[in-house]
N, C-alpha and C. Protein backbone atom coordinates (compact mmCIF):
# COMPACT_ATOMS: atom_id res chain seq x y z
N MET A 1 33.08 -101.05 143.56
CA MET A 1 33.89 -102.01 142.81
C MET A 1 34.32 -101.37 141.49
N THR A 2 35.57 -101.44 141.17
CA THR A 2 36.14 -100.81 139.99
C THR A 2 35.74 -101.55 138.72
N PHE A 3 35.35 -100.78 137.70
CA PHE A 3 35.05 -101.33 136.38
C PHE A 3 36.38 -101.43 135.64
N ARG A 4 36.70 -102.62 135.15
CA ARG A 4 38.01 -102.85 134.51
C ARG A 4 37.83 -103.02 133.01
N LEU A 5 38.48 -102.14 132.25
CA LEU A 5 38.43 -102.16 130.80
C LEU A 5 39.82 -102.44 130.25
N GLY A 6 39.96 -103.58 129.58
CA GLY A 6 41.21 -103.89 128.92
C GLY A 6 41.28 -103.19 127.57
N PHE A 7 42.48 -102.94 127.09
CA PHE A 7 42.62 -102.36 125.76
C PHE A 7 43.93 -102.83 125.14
N VAL A 8 43.83 -103.24 123.87
CA VAL A 8 44.98 -103.72 123.13
C VAL A 8 45.84 -102.54 122.70
N THR A 9 47.12 -102.79 122.50
CA THR A 9 48.06 -101.75 122.08
C THR A 9 47.52 -100.98 120.87
N GLY A 10 47.51 -99.67 120.98
CA GLY A 10 47.04 -98.82 119.89
C GLY A 10 45.60 -98.37 120.05
N ALA A 11 44.77 -99.14 120.77
CA ALA A 11 43.38 -98.73 120.99
C ALA A 11 43.39 -97.53 121.93
N THR A 12 42.40 -96.68 121.81
CA THR A 12 42.38 -95.44 122.57
C THR A 12 41.11 -95.33 123.41
N PRO A 13 41.16 -95.82 124.64
CA PRO A 13 39.97 -95.80 125.49
C PRO A 13 39.76 -94.49 126.24
N ASP A 14 40.68 -93.54 126.10
CA ASP A 14 40.67 -92.35 126.96
C ASP A 14 39.39 -91.53 126.88
N LYS A 15 38.87 -91.31 125.69
CA LYS A 15 37.66 -90.50 125.55
C LYS A 15 36.49 -91.14 126.29
N TRP A 16 36.32 -92.44 126.09
CA TRP A 16 35.21 -93.14 126.73
C TRP A 16 35.41 -93.24 128.25
N ALA A 17 36.64 -93.46 128.67
CA ALA A 17 36.94 -93.53 130.11
C ALA A 17 36.69 -92.17 130.76
N GLY A 18 37.03 -91.10 130.04
CA GLY A 18 36.78 -89.76 130.57
C GLY A 18 35.30 -89.50 130.77
N THR A 19 34.48 -89.93 129.81
CA THR A 19 33.03 -89.78 129.93
C THR A 19 32.53 -90.61 131.11
N TRP A 20 33.04 -91.82 131.26
CA TRP A 20 32.66 -92.68 132.40
C TRP A 20 32.95 -91.94 133.71
N ARG A 21 34.15 -91.36 133.81
CA ARG A 21 34.55 -90.68 135.06
C ARG A 21 33.67 -89.48 135.35
N GLU A 22 33.19 -88.82 134.30
CA GLU A 22 32.30 -87.67 134.50
C GLU A 22 30.93 -88.11 135.00
N ARG A 23 30.46 -89.27 134.55
CA ARG A 23 29.08 -89.69 134.82
C ARG A 23 28.91 -90.67 135.97
N GLU A 24 29.89 -91.51 136.19
CA GLU A 24 29.73 -92.62 137.13
C GLU A 24 30.48 -92.37 138.43
N ARG A 25 29.94 -92.95 139.50
CA ARG A 25 30.59 -92.82 140.80
C ARG A 25 31.70 -93.86 140.97
N GLU A 26 31.53 -95.00 140.33
CA GLU A 26 32.53 -96.06 140.45
C GLU A 26 33.73 -95.75 139.57
N PRO A 27 34.91 -96.07 140.05
CA PRO A 27 36.11 -95.82 139.24
C PRO A 27 36.20 -96.80 138.07
N ILE A 28 36.95 -96.39 137.04
CA ILE A 28 37.26 -97.25 135.91
C ILE A 28 38.77 -97.42 135.89
N GLU A 29 39.21 -98.63 135.65
CA GLU A 29 40.64 -98.92 135.53
C GLU A 29 40.91 -99.37 134.10
N LEU A 30 41.86 -98.72 133.44
CA LEU A 30 42.26 -99.08 132.09
C LEU A 30 43.45 -100.03 132.20
N VAL A 31 43.30 -101.21 131.58
CA VAL A 31 44.30 -102.26 131.72
C VAL A 31 44.87 -102.61 130.34
N PRO A 32 46.15 -102.29 130.08
CA PRO A 32 46.73 -102.65 128.79
C PRO A 32 46.84 -104.18 128.67
N VAL A 33 46.51 -104.70 127.48
CA VAL A 33 46.62 -106.14 127.22
C VAL A 33 47.30 -106.33 125.87
N SER A 34 48.03 -107.42 125.76
CA SER A 34 48.66 -107.73 124.48
C SER A 34 47.63 -108.35 123.55
N GLU A 35 47.91 -108.31 122.27
CA GLU A 35 46.99 -108.91 121.30
C GLU A 35 46.85 -110.41 121.54
N ASP A 36 47.94 -111.06 121.95
CA ASP A 36 47.90 -112.49 122.24
C ASP A 36 46.98 -112.82 123.41
N ALA A 37 46.86 -111.91 124.36
CA ALA A 37 46.09 -112.16 125.58
C ALA A 37 44.82 -111.32 125.65
N GLN A 38 44.41 -110.70 124.55
CA GLN A 38 43.31 -109.73 124.61
C GLN A 38 41.98 -110.33 125.06
N GLU A 39 41.72 -111.60 124.77
CA GLU A 39 40.46 -112.23 125.19
C GLU A 39 40.54 -112.81 126.60
N HIS A 40 41.73 -113.15 127.04
CA HIS A 40 41.91 -113.90 128.27
C HIS A 40 41.27 -113.22 129.49
N GLY A 41 41.55 -111.95 129.67
CA GLY A 41 41.02 -111.24 130.83
C GLY A 41 39.50 -111.21 130.87
N VAL A 42 38.88 -111.06 129.70
CA VAL A 42 37.42 -111.06 129.64
C VAL A 42 36.89 -112.45 129.96
N ARG A 43 37.49 -113.46 129.38
CA ARG A 43 37.03 -114.84 129.59
C ARG A 43 37.19 -115.31 131.04
N THR A 44 38.22 -114.81 131.72
CA THR A 44 38.46 -115.23 133.10
C THR A 44 37.72 -114.35 134.12
N GLY A 45 37.16 -113.22 133.66
CA GLY A 45 36.47 -112.31 134.57
C GLY A 45 37.39 -111.28 135.19
N ALA A 46 38.67 -111.29 134.83
CA ALA A 46 39.59 -110.29 135.36
C ALA A 46 39.28 -108.91 134.79
N LEU A 47 38.67 -108.88 133.58
CA LEU A 47 38.26 -107.64 132.94
C LEU A 47 36.75 -107.70 132.71
N ASP A 48 36.09 -106.56 132.85
CA ASP A 48 34.66 -106.49 132.55
C ASP A 48 34.42 -106.45 131.05
N MET A 49 35.25 -105.71 130.35
CA MET A 49 35.15 -105.54 128.90
C MET A 49 36.56 -105.31 128.38
N ALA A 50 36.71 -105.40 127.04
CA ALA A 50 38.02 -105.10 126.45
C ALA A 50 37.85 -104.55 125.05
N LEU A 51 38.71 -103.61 124.72
CA LEU A 51 38.87 -103.13 123.35
C LEU A 51 39.90 -104.05 122.71
N VAL A 52 39.48 -104.78 121.68
CA VAL A 52 40.31 -105.83 121.08
C VAL A 52 40.53 -105.56 119.60
N ARG A 53 41.60 -106.16 119.07
CA ARG A 53 41.85 -106.11 117.63
C ARG A 53 41.35 -107.42 117.05
N LEU A 54 40.48 -107.32 116.04
CA LEU A 54 39.86 -108.50 115.45
C LEU A 54 40.82 -109.16 114.46
N PRO A 55 40.67 -110.44 114.23
CA PRO A 55 39.57 -111.29 114.68
C PRO A 55 39.83 -111.86 116.08
N ILE A 56 38.74 -112.23 116.74
CA ILE A 56 38.81 -112.94 118.01
C ILE A 56 37.88 -114.15 117.91
N ASP A 57 38.02 -115.05 118.86
CA ASP A 57 37.10 -116.19 118.97
C ASP A 57 35.82 -115.67 119.62
N ARG A 58 34.75 -115.60 118.86
CA ARG A 58 33.49 -115.00 119.33
C ARG A 58 32.68 -115.93 120.23
N ASP A 59 33.08 -117.17 120.37
CA ASP A 59 32.33 -118.12 121.18
C ASP A 59 32.21 -117.61 122.62
N GLY A 60 30.97 -117.35 123.06
CA GLY A 60 30.72 -116.88 124.42
C GLY A 60 30.92 -115.40 124.63
N LEU A 61 31.20 -114.66 123.55
CA LEU A 61 31.47 -113.23 123.68
C LEU A 61 30.52 -112.41 122.81
N HIS A 62 30.11 -111.28 123.34
CA HIS A 62 29.46 -110.25 122.53
C HIS A 62 30.57 -109.40 121.93
N LEU A 63 30.28 -108.79 120.78
CA LEU A 63 31.27 -107.93 120.14
C LEU A 63 30.57 -106.80 119.40
N ILE A 64 31.04 -105.59 119.63
CA ILE A 64 30.60 -104.43 118.86
C ILE A 64 31.81 -103.94 118.07
N PRO A 65 31.79 -104.08 116.73
CA PRO A 65 32.88 -103.50 115.94
C PRO A 65 32.84 -101.98 116.07
N LEU A 66 33.99 -101.35 116.27
CA LEU A 66 34.02 -99.91 116.51
C LEU A 66 34.62 -99.12 115.35
N TYR A 67 35.79 -99.48 114.91
CA TYR A 67 36.42 -98.72 113.83
C TYR A 67 37.48 -99.56 113.14
N ASP A 68 37.84 -99.14 111.93
CA ASP A 68 38.89 -99.80 111.15
C ASP A 68 40.19 -99.02 111.29
N GLU A 69 41.30 -99.76 111.18
CA GLU A 69 42.61 -99.13 111.20
C GLU A 69 43.37 -99.52 109.93
N LEU A 70 43.98 -98.56 109.30
CA LEU A 70 44.77 -98.82 108.11
C LEU A 70 46.10 -99.47 108.48
N PRO A 71 46.56 -100.42 107.65
CA PRO A 71 47.90 -100.96 107.87
C PRO A 71 48.93 -99.99 107.30
N VAL A 72 50.02 -99.83 108.01
CA VAL A 72 51.09 -98.95 107.55
C VAL A 72 52.43 -99.67 107.63
N ALA A 73 53.34 -99.25 106.78
CA ALA A 73 54.71 -99.76 106.80
C ALA A 73 55.58 -98.73 107.51
N VAL A 74 56.21 -99.15 108.59
CA VAL A 74 57.12 -98.29 109.34
C VAL A 74 58.52 -98.54 108.79
N MET A 75 59.21 -97.45 108.44
CA MET A 75 60.54 -97.59 107.83
C MET A 75 61.45 -96.46 108.30
N ASN A 76 62.74 -96.66 108.10
CA ASN A 76 63.72 -95.63 108.39
C ASN A 76 63.45 -94.43 107.47
N VAL A 77 63.65 -93.24 107.95
CA VAL A 77 63.38 -92.03 107.15
C VAL A 77 64.23 -91.96 105.88
N ASP A 78 65.34 -92.68 105.83
CA ASP A 78 66.21 -92.67 104.65
C ASP A 78 65.87 -93.78 103.66
N ASN A 79 64.89 -94.61 103.98
CA ASN A 79 64.48 -95.68 103.07
C ASN A 79 63.89 -95.03 101.81
N GLU A 80 64.26 -95.53 100.63
CA GLU A 80 63.76 -94.92 99.38
C GLU A 80 62.24 -95.00 99.27
N LEU A 81 61.61 -95.97 99.93
CA LEU A 81 60.14 -96.05 99.90
C LEU A 81 59.48 -94.90 100.65
N SER A 82 60.24 -94.24 101.51
CA SER A 82 59.68 -93.10 102.25
C SER A 82 59.35 -91.92 101.33
N LEU A 83 59.88 -91.94 100.11
CA LEU A 83 59.59 -90.88 99.14
C LEU A 83 58.19 -91.02 98.56
N LEU A 84 57.59 -92.20 98.71
CA LEU A 84 56.23 -92.44 98.20
C LEU A 84 55.20 -92.01 99.23
N ASP A 85 54.01 -91.66 98.77
CA ASP A 85 52.92 -91.30 99.68
C ASP A 85 52.28 -92.54 100.30
N GLU A 86 52.29 -93.65 99.55
CA GLU A 86 51.76 -94.93 100.02
C GLU A 86 52.51 -96.02 99.28
N VAL A 87 52.44 -97.25 99.82
CA VAL A 87 53.19 -98.36 99.24
C VAL A 87 52.28 -99.58 99.09
N SER A 88 52.72 -100.51 98.25
CA SER A 88 52.00 -101.77 98.09
C SER A 88 52.84 -102.88 98.73
N SER A 89 52.22 -104.01 98.97
CA SER A 89 52.96 -105.12 99.55
C SER A 89 54.05 -105.61 98.59
N ALA A 90 53.83 -105.48 97.29
CA ALA A 90 54.86 -105.86 96.32
C ALA A 90 56.10 -104.98 96.49
N GLU A 91 55.89 -103.70 96.73
CA GLU A 91 57.02 -102.79 96.93
C GLU A 91 57.78 -103.09 98.23
N LEU A 92 57.11 -103.75 99.16
CA LEU A 92 57.73 -104.10 100.44
C LEU A 92 58.41 -105.46 100.43
N ALA A 93 58.23 -106.22 99.35
CA ALA A 93 58.70 -107.62 99.30
C ALA A 93 60.18 -107.77 99.66
N ASP A 94 61.02 -106.87 99.17
CA ASP A 94 62.45 -106.98 99.45
C ASP A 94 62.82 -106.50 100.85
N GLU A 95 61.87 -105.90 101.54
CA GLU A 95 62.11 -105.35 102.88
C GLU A 95 61.66 -106.29 103.99
N HIS A 96 61.13 -107.47 103.62
CA HIS A 96 60.54 -108.38 104.60
C HIS A 96 61.55 -108.80 105.67
N GLN A 97 61.09 -108.78 106.90
CA GLN A 97 61.88 -109.24 108.05
C GLN A 97 60.98 -110.14 108.90
N ASP A 98 61.59 -111.05 109.63
CA ASP A 98 60.86 -111.86 110.59
C ASP A 98 61.03 -111.19 111.95
N TRP A 99 59.95 -110.65 112.46
CA TRP A 99 60.00 -109.91 113.72
C TRP A 99 59.64 -110.78 114.91
N THR A 100 59.52 -112.09 114.70
CA THR A 100 59.18 -113.03 115.77
C THR A 100 60.15 -112.88 116.94
N GLY A 101 59.60 -112.82 118.12
CA GLY A 101 60.42 -112.73 119.32
C GLY A 101 60.76 -111.32 119.75
N LEU A 102 60.44 -110.34 118.91
CA LEU A 102 60.71 -108.95 119.26
C LEU A 102 59.41 -108.25 119.65
N THR A 103 59.49 -107.34 120.59
CA THR A 103 58.34 -106.48 120.86
C THR A 103 58.22 -105.48 119.73
N VAL A 104 57.10 -104.81 119.63
CA VAL A 104 56.95 -103.77 118.61
C VAL A 104 58.00 -102.70 118.80
N ARG A 105 58.23 -102.32 120.03
CA ARG A 105 59.24 -101.28 120.32
C ARG A 105 60.62 -101.72 119.79
N GLU A 106 60.99 -102.97 120.03
CA GLU A 106 62.29 -103.47 119.56
C GLU A 106 62.34 -103.52 118.03
N ALA A 107 61.22 -103.92 117.41
CA ALA A 107 61.17 -103.96 115.95
C ALA A 107 61.31 -102.56 115.37
N VAL A 108 60.66 -101.58 115.97
CA VAL A 108 60.77 -100.19 115.51
C VAL A 108 62.20 -99.69 115.67
N GLU A 109 62.86 -100.07 116.76
CA GLU A 109 64.26 -99.68 116.96
C GLU A 109 65.15 -100.26 115.86
N THR A 110 64.86 -101.51 115.47
CA THR A 110 65.62 -102.16 114.40
C THR A 110 65.38 -101.45 113.07
N VAL A 111 64.12 -101.12 112.79
CA VAL A 111 63.78 -100.38 111.57
C VAL A 111 64.48 -99.01 111.58
N ALA A 112 64.48 -98.35 112.73
CA ALA A 112 65.13 -97.04 112.84
C ALA A 112 66.61 -97.12 112.52
N ALA A 113 67.21 -98.28 112.81
CA ALA A 113 68.63 -98.48 112.52
C ALA A 113 68.88 -98.78 111.04
N GLY A 114 67.79 -98.89 110.27
CA GLY A 114 67.94 -99.07 108.83
C GLY A 114 67.71 -100.49 108.33
N THR A 115 67.19 -101.36 109.17
CA THR A 115 66.96 -102.75 108.78
C THR A 115 65.48 -103.03 108.64
N GLY A 116 65.05 -103.33 107.43
CA GLY A 116 63.69 -103.81 107.19
C GLY A 116 62.60 -102.78 107.34
N VAL A 117 61.37 -103.29 107.18
CA VAL A 117 60.15 -102.51 107.30
C VAL A 117 59.18 -103.32 108.15
N LEU A 118 58.46 -102.65 109.02
CA LEU A 118 57.50 -103.29 109.91
C LEU A 118 56.10 -102.86 109.51
N VAL A 119 55.18 -103.80 109.29
CA VAL A 119 53.80 -103.47 108.96
C VAL A 119 52.95 -103.67 110.22
N VAL A 120 52.28 -102.59 110.63
CA VAL A 120 51.44 -102.59 111.83
C VAL A 120 50.22 -101.70 111.58
N PRO A 121 49.19 -101.81 112.43
CA PRO A 121 48.08 -100.85 112.32
C PRO A 121 48.59 -99.42 112.59
N MET A 122 47.95 -98.44 111.97
CA MET A 122 48.40 -97.05 112.08
C MET A 122 48.51 -96.58 113.53
N SER A 123 47.56 -96.97 114.38
CA SER A 123 47.61 -96.51 115.77
C SER A 123 48.86 -97.02 116.49
N VAL A 124 49.30 -98.21 116.15
CA VAL A 124 50.51 -98.76 116.76
C VAL A 124 51.73 -97.99 116.26
N ALA A 125 51.76 -97.66 114.97
CA ALA A 125 52.85 -96.85 114.43
C ALA A 125 52.91 -95.49 115.11
N ARG A 126 51.76 -94.88 115.31
CA ARG A 126 51.73 -93.57 115.99
C ARG A 126 52.23 -93.68 117.43
N LEU A 127 51.86 -94.76 118.09
CA LEU A 127 52.27 -94.97 119.48
C LEU A 127 53.79 -95.07 119.60
N HIS A 128 54.43 -95.66 118.60
CA HIS A 128 55.87 -95.88 118.63
C HIS A 128 56.63 -94.91 117.72
N HIS A 129 56.05 -93.75 117.46
CA HIS A 129 56.67 -92.75 116.58
C HIS A 129 58.03 -92.31 117.12
N ARG A 130 58.94 -92.16 116.21
CA ARG A 130 60.29 -91.65 116.50
C ARG A 130 60.69 -90.72 115.36
N LYS A 131 61.67 -89.86 115.60
CA LYS A 131 62.13 -88.94 114.56
C LYS A 131 62.83 -89.65 113.41
N ASP A 132 63.38 -90.83 113.67
CA ASP A 132 64.16 -91.53 112.64
C ASP A 132 63.36 -92.58 111.87
N VAL A 133 62.04 -92.62 112.07
CA VAL A 133 61.19 -93.51 111.29
C VAL A 133 60.00 -92.73 110.73
N ILE A 134 59.43 -93.28 109.68
CA ILE A 134 58.26 -92.70 109.03
C ILE A 134 57.35 -93.86 108.67
N TYR A 135 56.07 -93.61 108.48
CA TYR A 135 55.20 -94.69 108.05
C TYR A 135 54.38 -94.27 106.85
N ARG A 136 54.07 -95.28 106.03
CA ARG A 136 53.28 -95.08 104.82
C ARG A 136 52.17 -96.12 104.78
N THR A 137 50.99 -95.71 104.35
CA THR A 137 49.86 -96.63 104.22
C THR A 137 50.19 -97.71 103.20
N VAL A 138 49.84 -98.95 103.54
CA VAL A 138 50.00 -100.08 102.62
C VAL A 138 48.65 -100.26 101.93
N THR A 139 48.63 -100.01 100.62
CA THR A 139 47.37 -99.89 99.88
C THR A 139 46.62 -101.19 99.65
N ASP A 140 47.33 -102.31 99.61
CA ASP A 140 46.66 -103.55 99.22
C ASP A 140 46.54 -104.58 100.35
N LEU A 141 46.72 -104.14 101.57
CA LEU A 141 46.48 -105.02 102.72
C LEU A 141 45.16 -104.63 103.37
N PRO A 142 44.46 -105.60 103.94
CA PRO A 142 43.17 -105.27 104.57
C PRO A 142 43.38 -104.46 105.84
N SER A 143 42.40 -103.63 106.14
CA SER A 143 42.44 -102.89 107.40
C SER A 143 42.17 -103.86 108.54
N THR A 144 42.53 -103.45 109.75
CA THR A 144 42.18 -104.23 110.92
C THR A 144 41.03 -103.51 111.61
N LYS A 145 40.26 -104.27 112.36
CA LYS A 145 39.13 -103.70 113.08
C LYS A 145 39.40 -103.75 114.58
N VAL A 146 38.94 -102.73 115.27
CA VAL A 146 38.96 -102.72 116.73
C VAL A 146 37.52 -102.81 117.19
N GLY A 147 37.30 -103.63 118.19
CA GLY A 147 35.95 -103.82 118.70
C GLY A 147 35.92 -103.87 120.22
N LEU A 148 34.72 -103.82 120.75
CA LEU A 148 34.49 -103.90 122.19
C LEU A 148 33.85 -105.24 122.49
N THR A 149 34.42 -106.00 123.41
CA THR A 149 33.90 -107.33 123.70
C THR A 149 33.67 -107.53 125.20
N TRP A 150 32.74 -108.44 125.50
CA TRP A 150 32.44 -108.81 126.87
C TRP A 150 31.75 -110.17 126.85
N LEU A 151 31.72 -110.83 127.99
CA LEU A 151 31.10 -112.14 128.09
C LEU A 151 29.60 -112.07 127.89
N ILE A 152 29.06 -113.01 127.11
CA ILE A 152 27.61 -113.08 126.91
C ILE A 152 26.89 -113.25 128.24
N ASP A 153 27.47 -114.00 129.15
CA ASP A 153 26.84 -114.28 130.44
C ASP A 153 26.99 -113.17 131.47
N ASN A 154 27.71 -112.12 131.14
CA ASN A 154 27.93 -111.03 132.09
C ASN A 154 26.79 -110.02 131.98
N ASP A 155 25.91 -110.02 132.99
CA ASP A 155 24.76 -109.12 132.96
C ASP A 155 24.94 -107.91 133.87
N ASP A 156 26.19 -107.57 134.17
CA ASP A 156 26.50 -106.40 134.99
C ASP A 156 25.93 -105.16 134.31
N PRO A 157 25.09 -104.37 134.98
CA PRO A 157 24.50 -103.18 134.35
C PRO A 157 25.54 -102.14 133.92
N ARG A 158 26.72 -102.18 134.49
CA ARG A 158 27.77 -101.23 134.11
C ARG A 158 28.20 -101.47 132.66
N ILE A 159 28.04 -102.69 132.19
CA ILE A 159 28.37 -102.98 130.79
C ILE A 159 27.45 -102.20 129.87
N GLN A 160 26.17 -102.21 130.16
CA GLN A 160 25.22 -101.43 129.35
C GLN A 160 25.53 -99.94 129.43
N THR A 161 25.95 -99.49 130.60
CA THR A 161 26.33 -98.08 130.75
C THR A 161 27.52 -97.76 129.85
N PHE A 162 28.54 -98.63 129.85
CA PHE A 162 29.71 -98.37 129.02
C PHE A 162 29.36 -98.45 127.54
N ILE A 163 28.51 -99.40 127.15
CA ILE A 163 28.08 -99.48 125.75
C ILE A 163 27.40 -98.17 125.35
N GLY A 164 26.57 -97.63 126.21
CA GLY A 164 25.92 -96.36 125.93
C GLY A 164 26.92 -95.24 125.71
N ILE A 165 27.97 -95.22 126.51
CA ILE A 165 29.02 -94.20 126.36
C ILE A 165 29.71 -94.37 125.01
N VAL A 166 30.06 -95.59 124.67
CA VAL A 166 30.76 -95.86 123.41
C VAL A 166 29.88 -95.47 122.22
N ARG A 167 28.59 -95.71 122.34
CA ARG A 167 27.67 -95.39 121.25
C ARG A 167 27.24 -93.93 121.23
N GLY A 168 27.75 -93.14 122.16
CA GLY A 168 27.51 -91.71 122.14
C GLY A 168 26.23 -91.25 122.82
N ARG A 169 25.63 -92.13 123.61
CA ARG A 169 24.43 -91.70 124.33
C ARG A 169 24.81 -90.67 125.40
N THR A 170 23.95 -89.71 125.57
CA THR A 170 24.19 -88.71 126.61
C THR A 170 23.77 -89.27 127.95
N ALA A 171 24.12 -88.58 129.01
CA ALA A 171 23.76 -89.03 130.35
C ALA A 171 22.25 -89.09 130.52
N ARG A 172 21.52 -88.27 129.77
CA ARG A 172 20.06 -88.20 129.92
C ARG A 172 19.31 -89.08 128.94
N SER A 173 20.02 -89.64 127.94
CA SER A 173 19.32 -90.43 126.93
C SER A 173 18.89 -91.78 127.50
N SER A 174 17.89 -92.33 126.88
CA SER A 174 17.32 -93.59 127.32
C SER A 174 17.51 -94.60 126.20
N ARG A 175 17.57 -95.88 126.55
CA ARG A 175 17.68 -96.93 125.55
C ARG A 175 16.31 -97.30 125.02
N ASP A 176 15.25 -96.72 125.55
CA ASP A 176 13.88 -97.09 125.13
C ASP A 176 13.54 -96.60 123.75
């Protein structure tokens, strides 16, 4: 039976999935999930675990916080703010756009055309990198956290195996 790991846009499960493939006989399937639906697959049992962007509703879920991501402003390379090494939200005030209804890819295309600035986690900016956009760290916005979640009631031993991989345990190490 395939172990199914969901991951939100920008999260990078490849290293852990590679270790799983080296150690385990059962296959692992990496399933992209949107931030809006990141908990759904775990709650319904369609996913065994998921790499999620916090915050999430923790009711009924275990969560291991994994790492923080810096917020960045994605802008056209000709934007005068691109001359700065980092920006503040005050400096972005005149660049505000409502990106509702657009995918991140569409928003980045709009920014590339010279309209507005998009604030996203750094991993998302890297994922959608283009030659005509640049990103700068936003100094006064909080970082986002990525974590690993699974159902409290799910006692599948493969979950403990994956947790061990994420925490850097070797194939020979013991939890004792």
